Amino acid sequence: MDVRYLRTEPTMAFPRGRLLAVQAGRLHVLAPDGWDVIGGRAERAHPVSREDAEDWCEREGWDPALLDAVPHPEH
């Protein structure tokens, strides 16, 4: 599974940014109910490694196993 992870810029609502994932050209955001597809582009998001995404999940109280649950458009 070829997934790229990104982190958005911090905001008041999300002081450590939000975690995004791109798989097969489709952009997702990690939300309370799992990964949600979002339209558009992540123009101000910064690429992060899988390890950095795992660290972000742990800091935010998310299960790092969610990184393996990014929906593929064909499923």
C-alpha atoms as a PDB file:
ATOM      1  CA  MET A   1       0.000   0.000   0.000  1.00  0.00           C
ATOM      2  CA  ASP A   2       1.609   3.227  -1.170  1.00  0.00           C
ATOM      3  CA  VAL A   3       0.451   5.919   1.253  1.00  0.00           C
ATOM      4  CA  ARG A   4       2.026   9.338   1.746  1.00  0.00           C
ATOM      5  CA  TYR A   5       1.434  11.202   5.002  1.00  0.00           C
ATOM      6  CA  LEU A   6       1.275  14.951   5.553  1.00  0.00           C
ATOM      7  CA  ARG A   7       0.680  17.260   8.483  1.00  0.00           C
ATOM      8  CA  THR A   8      -1.234  20.507   8.208  1.00  0.00           C
ATOM      9  CA  GLU A   9      -0.128  23.797   9.688  1.00  0.00           C
ATOM     10  CA  PRO A  10      -1.134  24.319  13.329  1.00  0.00           C
ATOM     11  CA  THR A  11      -4.338  26.256  13.984  1.00  0.00           C
ATOM     12  CA  MET A  12      -6.196  27.289  17.119  1.00  0.00           C
ATOM     13  CA  ALA A  13      -8.486  24.263  16.800  1.00  0.00           C
ATOM     14  CA  PHE A  14      -5.611  21.894  15.964  1.00  0.00           C
ATOM     15  CA  PRO A  15      -2.464  23.244  17.661  1.00  0.00           C
ATOM     16  CA  ARG A  16      -0.333  20.370  16.346  1.00  0.00           C
ATOM     17  CA  GLY A  17      -1.968  20.305  12.926  1.00  0.00           C
ATOM     18  CA  ARG A  18      -3.972  17.479  11.432  1.00  0.00           C
ATOM     19  CA  LEU A  19      -2.762  14.280   9.866  1.00  0.00           C
ATOM     20  CA  LEU A  20      -3.486  13.740   6.180  1.00  0.00           C
ATOM     21  CA  ALA A  21      -2.861  10.754   3.941  1.00  0.00           C
ATOM     22  CA  VAL A  22      -2.751  10.434   0.171  1.00  0.00           C
ATOM     23  CA  GLN A  23      -3.396   7.091  -1.444  1.00  0.00           C
ATOM     24  CA  ALA A  24      -3.949   6.542  -5.162  1.00  0.00           C
ATOM     25  CA  GLY A  25      -4.274  10.311  -5.609  1.00  0.00           C
ATOM     26  CA  ARG A  26      -7.083  10.634  -3.055  1.00  0.00           C
ATOM     27  CA  LEU A  27      -6.640  12.935  -0.041  1.00  0.00           C
ATOM     28  CA  HIS A  28      -7.868  11.847   3.405  1.00  0.00           C
ATOM     29  CA  VAL A  29      -7.911  13.510   6.833  1.00  0.00           C
ATOM     30  CA  LEU A  30      -7.800  11.574  10.096  1.00  0.00           C
ATOM     31  CA  ALA A  31     -11.059  12.318  11.907  1.00  0.00           C
ATOM     32  CA  PRO A  32     -12.693  10.946  15.079  1.00  0.00           C
ATOM     33  CA  ASP A  33     -14.532   8.305  13.037  1.00  0.00           C
ATOM     34  CA  GLY A  34     -11.491   7.273  10.965  1.00  0.00           C
ATOM     35  CA  TRP A  35     -10.239   8.530   7.624  1.00  0.00           C
ATOM     36  CA  ASP A  36     -12.494  10.932   5.712  1.00  0.00           C
ATOM     37  CA  VAL A  37     -12.008  11.720   2.032  1.00  0.00           C
ATOM     38  CA  ILE A  38     -11.591  15.423   1.430  1.00  0.00           C
ATOM     39  CA  GLY A  39     -11.591  17.275  -1.841  1.00  0.00           C
ATOM     40  CA  GLY A  40      -8.982  19.691  -3.006  1.00  0.00           C
ATOM     41  CA  ARG A  41      -5.284  19.751  -2.335  1.00  0.00           C
ATOM     42  CA  ALA A  42      -3.139  19.997   0.746  1.00  0.00           C
ATOM     43  CA  GLU A  43      -1.223  23.050  -0.391  1.00  0.00           C
ATOM     44  CA  ARG A  44       0.139  24.101   2.994  1.00  0.00           C
ATOM     45  CA  ALA A  45       0.667  20.631   4.442  1.00  0.00           C
ATOM     46  CA  HIS A  46       4.151  19.259   4.982  1.00  0.00           C
ATOM     47  CA  PRO A  47       5.187  15.713   4.089  1.00  0.00           C
ATOM     48  CA  VAL A  48       6.015  13.510   7.074  1.00  0.00           C
ATOM     49  CA  SER A  49       7.530  10.050   7.244  1.00  0.00           C
ATOM     50  CA  ARG A  50       5.579   7.015   8.429  1.00  0.00           C
ATOM     51  CA  GLU A  51       7.567   7.162  11.671  1.00  0.00           C
ATOM     52  CA  ASP A  52       6.660  10.835  12.186  1.00  0.00           C
ATOM     53  CA  ALA A  53       3.001  10.004  11.482  1.00  0.00           C
ATOM     54  CA  GLU A  54       3.157   7.247  14.131  1.00  0.00           C
ATOM     55  CA  ASP A  55       4.683   9.694  16.614  1.00  0.00           C
ATOM     56  CA  TRP A  56       1.943  12.230  15.826  1.00  0.00           C
ATOM     57  CA  CYS A  57      -0.733   9.588  16.451  1.00  0.00           C
ATOM     58  CA  GLU A  58       0.792   8.661  19.802  1.00  0.00           C
ATOM     59  CA  ARG A  59       1.072  12.295  20.921  1.00  0.00           C
ATOM     60  CA  GLU A  60      -2.538  12.959  19.931  1.00  0.00           C
ATOM     61  CA  GLY A  61      -3.895   9.776  21.526  1.00  0.00           C
ATOM     62  CA  TRP A  62      -4.716   8.023  18.235  1.00  0.00           C
ATOM     63  CA  ASP A  63      -3.959   4.366  17.583  1.00  0.00           C
ATOM     64  CA  PRO A  64      -1.003   4.226  15.142  1.00  0.00           C
ATOM     65  CA  ALA A  65      -2.676   1.188  13.541  1.00  0.00           C
ATOM     66  CA  LEU A  66      -4.983   3.713  11.856  1.00  0.00           C
ATOM     67  CA  LEU A  67      -2.108   4.457   9.485  1.00  0.00           C
ATOM     68  CA  ASP A  68      -2.740   1.036   7.930  1.00  0.00           C
ATOM     69  CA  ALA A  69      -6.464   1.749   7.552  1.00  0.00           C
ATOM     70  CA  VAL A  70      -6.364   4.512   4.909  1.00  0.00           C
ATOM     71  CA  PRO A  71      -9.138   3.486   2.486  1.00  0.00           C
ATOM     72  CA  HIS A  72      -8.093   2.589  -1.020  1.00  0.00           C
ATOM     73  CA  PRO A  73     -10.374   4.073  -3.710  1.00  0.00           C
ATOM     74  CA  GLU A  74     -10.973   0.634  -5.235  1.00  0.00           C
ATOM     75  CA  HIS A  75     -12.382  -0.833  -1.978  1.00  0.00           C
END
